[in-house]
């Protein structure tokens, strides 16, 4: 279903002027979306000894819900509960709220104001709908809390143990916050890691787990693998950087959440080796950058997975198989469940997965409810006729 939200109310504090908008969009492309765009380019230039895997033509290709947000600048992050979708537009800056009506989505409200005061932000990077209905917006070292309709409540400034340029946030099952993103660390080890922190009170954050992340220049805009570190679910969460065919299953406890590493060796045969030309380009970029003196991780193949999804039928991967497509499959199961787009993927939360692409009128949103993906997974798990 495709709709256009014409006449949607403007967000407070919106930037004006074409030149400002063009510059803002370019800035977003460099900072927020660089990881996925670089990966798409590398898949297009991949070749060599990797096994090319093509899904069966009978594999489902669910359409999801599609809507155009007229006047929107960008979408950096999202969350929702199936009845409302909260979309973070960092260039406005604003949180744009959609409400489900019938089989589609309608514009409900926008909130957010540019500034440095309580409840104000200028470059937000993460958003989450908490289990009690509140909405959390992450910017730098601050978490702002709003009601479901956008009224400001309070702010927290958790102390993070490392520099995290583009942090994101997710709510716990009962209370507390997960904070995740690329972590720049000095000294030995990897130049960049994807790190998950937990803060029960919004003040002191504790590290739960870290996963090495591919970079070509040590910067935070050139990561390979999932753009988002955490995919939350109703019972547990999944975290990982896509460097190996492994993911961390995060289970909340009464204290600090516990991480369990789960690996799927079935992903290894499907990796796509990068061409010699692409590797030479990466090496040249590394030599040009002053940060290249550090120990950098340069990928030799397409990341094993681009996103994780928590389903009732079992945890699942979204892994790349072409320049513009991803395949959904259950962890530990070699059957392809669905083919989904690669371009514009924002991430997957407990309510579903979201894509956002720019059009002349605004931003086209595609939302795939998790219940549709779950139905495909349950159908795959069902025994064949005549078997019990």
Protein backbone atom coordinates (compact mmCIF):
# COMPACT_ATOMS: atom_id res chain seq x y z
CA UNK A 1 0.00 0.00 0.00
CA UNK A 2 1.38 3.39 -1.01
CA UNK A 3 0.13 6.68 0.42
CA UNK A 4 1.31 10.28 0.40
CA UNK A 5 0.92 12.38 3.53
CA UNK A 6 0.21 15.66 1.77
CA UNK A 7 -0.29 18.72 3.91
CA UNK A 8 1.44 17.19 6.91
CA UNK A 9 1.98 19.80 9.66
CA UNK A 10 5.48 21.31 9.77
CA UNK A 11 7.73 20.45 12.70
CA UNK A 12 8.59 23.25 15.09
CA UNK A 13 12.06 24.62 14.53
CA UNK A 14 12.32 23.41 10.91
CA UNK A 15 15.27 24.69 8.88
CA UNK A 16 14.30 26.94 5.99
CA UNK A 17 15.96 27.53 2.63
CA UNK A 18 16.97 25.25 -0.21
CA UNK A 19 20.70 25.66 0.30
CA UNK A 20 20.43 24.69 3.97
CA UNK A 21 18.36 21.65 3.07
CA UNK A 22 20.80 20.48 0.39
CA UNK A 23 23.75 20.85 2.73
CA UNK A 24 21.91 19.05 5.51
CA UNK A 25 21.04 16.13 3.27
CA UNK A 26 24.68 15.84 2.17
CA UNK A 27 25.75 15.89 5.81
CA UNK A 28 23.36 13.11 6.66
CA UNK A 29 24.62 11.02 3.75
CA UNK A 30 28.18 11.35 5.01
CA UNK A 31 27.51 10.71 8.68
CA UNK A 32 24.36 8.67 9.13
CA UNK A 33 24.01 6.57 6.03
CA UNK A 34 27.60 6.08 4.98
CA UNK A 35 27.89 2.58 6.38
CA UNK A 36 25.03 1.11 4.36
CA UNK A 37 25.92 3.02 1.18
CA UNK A 38 29.52 1.84 1.31
CA UNK A 39 28.39 -1.74 1.81
CA UNK A 40 26.02 -1.50 -1.18
CA UNK A 41 28.84 -0.19 -3.35
CA UNK A 42 31.15 -3.00 -2.28
CA UNK A 43 28.57 -5.68 -2.99
CA UNK A 44 28.22 -4.30 -6.50
CA UNK A 45 31.99 -4.63 -7.03
CA UNK A 46 32.32 -8.00 -5.34
CA UNK A 47 33.62 -11.00 -7.20
CA UNK A 48 36.19 -13.72 -6.95
CA UNK A 49 35.93 -16.94 -4.97
CA UNK A 50 32.73 -16.36 -3.00
CA UNK A 51 29.69 -18.61 -3.45
CA UNK A 52 26.91 -16.78 -5.25
CA UNK A 53 23.60 -17.61 -3.62
CA UNK A 54 20.28 -16.82 -5.30
CA UNK A 55 17.01 -17.32 -3.42
CA UNK A 56 14.41 -19.55 -5.00
CA UNK A 57 11.91 -17.65 -7.13
CA UNK A 58 9.14 -18.97 -4.87
CA UNK A 59 10.57 -17.23 -1.79
CA UNK A 60 8.16 -14.60 -0.48
CA UNK A 61 8.74 -10.94 -1.29
CA UNK A 62 6.43 -9.11 1.16
CA UNK A 63 5.53 -5.57 0.14
CA UNK A 64 4.89 -4.03 3.55
CA UNK A 65 3.32 -0.58 4.04
CA UNK A 66 4.59 2.38 2.00
CA UNK A 67 3.97 6.08 2.62
CA UNK A 68 5.63 9.35 1.54
CA UNK A 69 6.31 11.92 4.27
CA UNK A 70 6.01 15.19 2.36
CA UNK A 71 8.30 17.92 3.66
CA UNK A 72 10.44 15.54 5.71
CA UNK A 73 14.22 15.82 5.37
CA UNK A 74 15.48 12.43 6.55
CA UNK A 75 14.88 9.47 8.85
CA UNK A 76 17.75 8.37 11.09
CA UNK A 77 16.02 6.03 13.55
CA UNK A 78 12.55 4.78 14.46
CA UNK A 79 10.48 2.80 16.93
CA UNK A 80 6.84 1.93 17.43
CA UNK A 81 4.30 -0.48 18.83
CA UNK A 82 2.30 -1.39 15.72
CA UNK A 83 -0.23 1.40 16.25
CA UNK A 84 2.21 4.33 16.20
CA UNK A 85 5.50 4.87 14.41
CA UNK A 86 8.00 7.38 15.79
CA UNK A 87 10.47 8.58 13.13
CA UNK A 88 13.57 10.61 14.00
CA UNK A 89 14.29 13.37 11.47
CA UNK A 90 17.64 14.80 12.67
CA UNK A 91 17.83 17.53 10.04
CA UNK A 92 14.57 19.23 11.08
CA UNK A 93 15.19 18.32 13.96
CA UNK A 94 11.94 16.61 14.90
CA UNK A 95 10.23 13.39 15.88
CA UNK A 96 7.47 12.67 13.37
CA UNK A 97 4.65 10.43 14.56
CA UNK A 98 2.47 8.27 12.31
CA UNK A 99 -0.72 6.59 13.51
CA UNK A 100 -2.19 3.44 11.97
CA UNK A 101 -5.69 3.91 10.60
CA UNK A 102 -7.22 0.93 8.85
CA UNK A 103 -4.61 -0.59 6.56
CA UNK A 104 -2.34 2.47 6.33
CA UNK A 105 -0.62 5.28 8.23
CA UNK A 106 -1.65 8.91 8.76
CA UNK A 107 0.34 11.82 10.15
CA UNK A 108 -0.47 12.34 13.83
CA UNK A 109 1.93 14.97 15.21
CA UNK A 110 5.53 16.25 15.12
CA UNK A 111 7.52 17.43 18.11
CA UNK A 112 11.03 18.70 18.74
CA UNK A 113 12.75 22.07 18.83
CA UNK A 114 16.25 23.19 17.91
CA UNK A 115 18.30 24.35 20.85
CA UNK A 116 20.41 23.35 23.85
CA UNK A 117 17.82 23.64 26.61
CA UNK A 118 15.71 20.98 28.31
CA UNK A 119 13.98 18.85 25.70
CA UNK A 120 15.74 20.67 22.84
CA UNK A 121 18.25 19.13 20.44
CA UNK A 122 20.18 20.05 17.30
CA UNK A 123 21.66 16.76 16.06
CA UNK A 124 19.76 13.80 17.55
CA UNK A 125 21.02 10.34 16.61
CA UNK A 126 18.75 7.81 18.36
CA UNK A 127 15.13 7.27 19.33
CA UNK A 128 13.18 4.65 21.30
CA UNK A 129 9.62 4.11 22.45
CA UNK A 130 9.83 2.79 26.00
CA UNK A 131 7.55 0.04 27.30
CA UNK A 132 5.60 2.55 29.42
CA UNK A 133 4.79 4.65 26.33
CA UNK A 134 7.37 7.39 26.80
CA UNK A 135 9.66 8.37 23.94
CA UNK A 136 13.42 8.72 24.43
CA UNK A 137 15.58 10.85 22.10
CA UNK A 138 19.38 10.45 22.24
CA UNK A 139 21.76 13.28 21.41
CA UNK A 140 25.42 13.17 22.33
CA UNK A 141 25.58 12.34 26.02
CA UNK A 142 21.96 13.27 26.77
CA UNK A 143 18.71 11.30 26.75
CA UNK A 144 15.54 13.42 26.53
CA UNK A 145 12.22 11.87 27.62
CA UNK A 146 8.84 12.88 26.19
CA UNK A 147 5.26 11.69 26.54
CA UNK A 148 3.74 9.69 23.68
CA UNK A 149 2.31 12.94 22.27
CA UNK A 150 5.55 14.94 22.54
CA UNK A 151 5.36 16.80 25.86
CA UNK A 152 8.79 17.15 27.46
CA UNK A 153 9.34 15.29 30.76
CA UNK A 154 13.03 15.18 31.78
CA UNK A 155 16.60 14.59 30.59
CA UNK A 156 19.47 12.33 31.66
CA UNK A 157 23.19 12.58 30.98
CA UNK A 158 24.65 9.07 31.43
CA UNK A 159 28.42 8.85 31.75
CA UNK A 160 29.75 6.68 28.93
CA UNK A 161 33.13 4.90 29.32
CA UNK A 162 34.19 5.78 25.75
CA UNK A 163 33.69 8.35 23.01
CA UNK A 164 30.58 7.46 21.00
CA UNK A 165 29.96 9.93 18.13
CA UNK A 166 26.57 8.59 16.97
CA UNK A 167 24.88 6.88 19.94
CA UNK A 168 21.48 5.21 19.73
CA UNK A 169 19.09 4.22 22.48
CA UNK A 170 16.61 1.44 23.26
CA UNK A 171 14.41 0.85 26.27
CA UNK A 172 14.59 -2.09 28.64
CA UNK A 173 11.70 -4.49 29.17
CA UNK A 174 10.91 -2.91 32.54
CA UNK A 175 13.08 0.17 32.96
CA UNK A 176 16.53 1.47 32.14
CA UNK A 177 18.19 2.17 28.80
CA UNK A 178 20.44 0.43 26.32
CA UNK A 179 22.91 2.76 24.56
CA UNK A 180 24.81 1.43 21.56
CA UNK A 181 26.99 2.63 18.71
CA UNK A 182 30.54 2.85 17.39
CA UNK A 183 33.09 3.35 20.15
CA UNK A 184 36.42 5.03 19.36
CA UNK A 185 39.17 3.74 21.62
CA UNK A 186 42.84 4.69 21.86
CA UNK A 187 45.78 2.40 22.40
CA UNK A 188 45.92 -1.20 21.25
CA UNK A 189 43.14 -3.34 19.87
CA UNK A 190 40.61 -2.39 17.26
CA UNK A 191 40.26 1.22 16.22
CA UNK A 192 36.51 0.89 16.40
CA UNK A 193 34.10 -1.43 18.17
CA UNK A 194 30.34 -1.64 18.27
CA UNK A 195 29.57 -1.39 21.99
CA UNK A 196 26.41 -1.97 24.01
CA UNK A 197 25.99 -0.12 27.31
CA UNK A 198 23.28 -0.41 29.95
CA UNK A 199 22.16 2.24 32.44
CA UNK A 200 19.47 1.45 34.95
CA UNK A 201 19.09 5.02 36.22
CA UNK A 202 20.22 7.15 33.28
CA UNK A 203 23.36 8.19 35.13
CA UNK A 204 26.13 5.56 35.04
CA UNK A 205 26.43 3.26 32.01
CA UNK A 206 27.97 -0.22 32.21
CA UNK A 207 29.42 -2.08 29.22
CA UNK A 208 27.49 -5.23 28.37
CA UNK A 209 29.39 -6.46 25.31
CA UNK A 210 31.55 -5.18 22.42
CA UNK A 211 31.99 -6.50 18.89
CA UNK A 212 34.88 -5.52 16.55
CA UNK A 213 33.78 -3.41 13.60
CA UNK A 214 35.29 -3.08 10.13
CA UNK A 215 36.60 0.37 9.22
CA UNK A 216 38.71 1.64 6.35
CA UNK A 217 39.98 4.84 7.92
CA UNK A 218 39.25 4.62 11.65
CA UNK A 219 36.33 7.04 11.32
CA UNK A 220 32.79 6.54 12.57
CA UNK A 221 31.13 7.01 9.19
CA UNK A 222 32.69 4.08 7.37
CA UNK A 223 31.47 1.03 9.24
CA UNK A 224 30.72 -2.21 7.41
CA UNK A 225 27.82 -4.31 8.63
CA UNK A 226 24.62 -3.34 10.47
CA UNK A 227 24.08 0.38 10.86
CA UNK A 228 22.29 -0.30 14.15
CA UNK A 229 23.88 -2.44 16.84
CA UNK A 230 20.81 -3.60 18.76
CA UNK A 231 17.57 -5.17 17.57
CA UNK A 232 15.19 -5.33 20.52
CA UNK A 233 12.47 -7.89 21.08
CA UNK A 234 9.67 -8.75 23.47
CA UNK A 235 11.65 -11.38 25.43
CA UNK A 236 15.28 -10.68 24.54
CA UNK A 237 17.45 -8.61 22.18
CA UNK A 238 20.10 -9.25 19.53
CA UNK A 239 23.37 -7.32 19.17
CA UNK A 240 26.26 -7.53 16.73
CA UNK A 241 28.45 -5.82 14.15
CA UNK A 242 28.27 -8.33 11.29
CA UNK A 243 32.02 -9.00 11.17
CA UNK A 244 31.55 -12.71 11.95
CA UNK A 245 28.52 -15.03 11.54
CA UNK A 246 27.84 -14.57 15.26
CA UNK A 247 25.39 -12.48 17.24
CA UNK A 248 24.93 -11.74 20.93
CA UNK A 249 21.63 -12.69 22.56
CA UNK A 250 20.94 -10.14 25.29
CA UNK A 251 18.75 -11.22 28.23
CA UNK A 252 17.79 -8.72 30.91
CA UNK A 253 18.29 -9.62 34.58
CA UNK A 254 17.69 -7.78 37.84
CA UNK A 255 21.13 -6.16 37.49
CA UNK A 256 23.27 -5.81 34.35
CA UNK A 257 21.91 -7.63 31.24
CA UNK A 258 23.68 -10.85 30.22
CA UNK A 259 25.08 -11.49 26.72
CA UNK A 260 25.32 -14.96 25.17
CA UNK A 261 27.21 -15.44 21.89
CA UNK A 262 25.37 -17.45 19.22
CA UNK A 263 27.03 -18.38 15.91
CA UNK A 264 25.64 -19.71 12.64
CA UNK A 265 28.28 -21.46 10.55
CA UNK A 266 25.75 -21.76 7.73
CA UNK A 267 26.41 -18.13 6.81
CA UNK A 268 30.07 -18.70 5.91
CA UNK A 269 29.60 -20.35 2.49
CA UNK A 270 27.57 -17.39 1.23
CA UNK A 271 30.13 -14.67 1.77
CA UNK A 272 31.09 -12.62 -1.28
CA UNK A 273 34.78 -11.85 -1.72
CA UNK A 274 35.66 -8.29 -2.67
CA UNK A 275 37.35 -7.69 -5.99
CA UNK A 276 41.05 -6.77 -6.24
CA UNK A 277 40.03 -3.34 -7.53
CA UNK A 278 37.84 -2.69 -4.49
CA UNK A 279 40.54 -3.84 -2.07
CA UNK A 280 43.09 -1.57 -3.80
CA UNK A 281 40.71 1.35 -3.39
CA UNK A 282 40.31 0.60 0.32
CA UNK A 283 44.06 0.37 0.81
CA UNK A 284 44.57 3.70 -0.98
CA UNK A 285 42.02 5.39 1.26
CA UNK A 286 43.70 3.90 4.30
CA UNK A 287 47.13 5.27 3.27
CA UNK A 288 45.71 8.76 2.70
CA UNK A 289 44.16 9.00 6.15
CA UNK A 290 46.38 10.03 9.11
CA UNK A 291 44.45 7.62 11.34
CA UNK A 292 45.62 4.66 9.28
CA UNK A 293 48.66 4.19 11.52
CA UNK A 294 46.38 2.41 13.98
CA UNK A 295 45.32 -1.25 13.78
CA UNK A 296 42.39 -1.13 11.34
CA UNK A 297 40.12 -3.98 10.34
CA UNK A 298 39.64 -4.06 6.57
CA UNK A 299 36.98 -6.45 5.24
CA UNK A 300 37.84 -9.05 2.62
CA UNK A 301 34.20 -9.95 2.02
CA UNK A 302 30.65 -8.73 2.40
CA UNK A 303 29.56 -8.83 6.08
CA UNK A 304 27.78 -12.09 7.00
CA UNK A 305 24.63 -10.20 7.99
CA UNK A 306 23.22 -6.68 7.70
CA UNK A 307 20.57 -6.81 10.42
CA UNK A 308 19.04 -9.09 13.03
CA UNK A 309 15.34 -9.65 13.76
CA UNK A 310 13.79 -11.05 16.95
CA UNK A 311 10.81 -13.20 15.95
CA UNK A 312 8.49 -15.32 18.07
CA UNK A 313 9.36 -18.24 15.76
CA UNK A 314 13.09 -17.74 16.35
CA UNK A 315 15.90 -15.24 15.86
CA UNK A 316 16.63 -14.35 12.24
CA UNK A 317 19.27 -12.75 10.01
CA UNK A 318 18.94 -10.27 7.20
CA UNK A 319 21.95 -11.07 5.03
CA UNK A 320 23.00 -9.55 1.72
CA UNK A 321 22.91 -11.56 -1.50
CA UNK A 322 22.89 -8.82 -4.15
CA UNK A 323 23.53 -5.11 -4.49
CA UNK A 324 19.94 -4.19 -3.70
CA UNK A 325 18.41 -7.16 -1.85
CA UNK A 326 18.58 -8.93 1.50
CA UNK A 327 17.43 -12.41 2.46
CA UNK A 328 15.64 -13.24 5.73
CA UNK A 329 16.51 -16.60 7.29
CA UNK A 330 16.26 -18.10 10.77
CA UNK A 331 19.54 -18.51 12.65
CA UNK A 332 20.65 -22.10 12.28
CA UNK A 333 18.27 -22.79 9.39
CA UNK A 334 19.45 -22.75 5.77
CA UNK A 335 16.04 -21.94 4.25
CA UNK A 336 15.35 -18.49 2.82
CA UNK A 337 12.10 -17.05 4.20
CA UNK A 338 11.81 -13.73 2.36
CA UNK A 339 13.60 -11.32 0.03
CA UNK A 340 13.62 -7.71 1.26
CA UNK A 341 15.22 -4.48 -0.02
CA UNK A 342 18.76 -3.50 0.89
CA UNK A 343 18.69 0.16 -0.08
CA UNK A 344 17.43 2.48 2.63
CA UNK A 345 17.32 -0.05 5.48
CA UNK A 346 17.14 1.81 8.80
CA UNK A 347 16.87 -1.23 11.04
CA UNK A 348 14.56 -3.67 12.80
CA UNK A 349 12.84 -3.18 16.14
CA UNK A 350 10.33 -5.31 18.03
CA UNK A 351 7.44 -3.96 15.91
CA UNK A 352 9.06 -4.48 12.49
CA UNK A 353 11.68 -3.26 10.02
CA UNK A 354 11.86 0.17 8.39
CA UNK A 355 13.33 1.52 5.13
CA UNK A 356 13.60 5.21 4.20
CA UNK A 357 14.56 6.63 0.79
CA UNK A 358 14.57 10.22 -0.44
CA UNK A 359 12.16 11.48 -3.09
CA UNK A 360 11.44 14.95 -4.46
CA UNK A 361 8.42 15.41 -2.21
CA UNK A 362 10.07 14.12 0.94
CA UNK A 363 11.01 10.73 2.37
CA UNK A 364 9.37 7.46 1.36
CA UNK A 365 8.85 5.16 4.33
CA UNK A 366 8.44 1.42 3.96
CA UNK A 367 7.45 -0.49 7.09
CA UNK A 368 7.40 -4.29 7.28
CA UNK A 369 5.48 -5.44 10.39
CA UNK A 370 7.24 -8.18 12.32
CA UNK A 371 4.01 -10.20 12.40
CA UNK A 372 4.31 -10.76 8.63
CA UNK A 373 7.89 -11.99 8.97
CA UNK A 374 6.82 -14.18 11.90
CA UNK A 375 4.07 -15.79 9.85
CA UNK A 376 6.63 -16.74 7.18
CA UNK A 377 8.92 -18.21 9.83
CA UNK A 378 6.13 -20.23 11.47
CA UNK A 379 5.08 -21.55 8.06
CA UNK A 380 8.66 -22.68 7.38
CA UNK A 381 8.80 -24.46 10.74
CA UNK A 382 5.50 -26.29 10.15
CA UNK A 383 5.92 -30.02 9.32
CA UNK A 384 5.28 -31.08 5.74
CA UNK A 385 1.90 -32.70 4.96
CA UNK A 386 1.83 -36.30 6.13
CA UNK A 387 4.54 -35.73 8.77
CA UNK A 388 4.12 -35.05 12.46
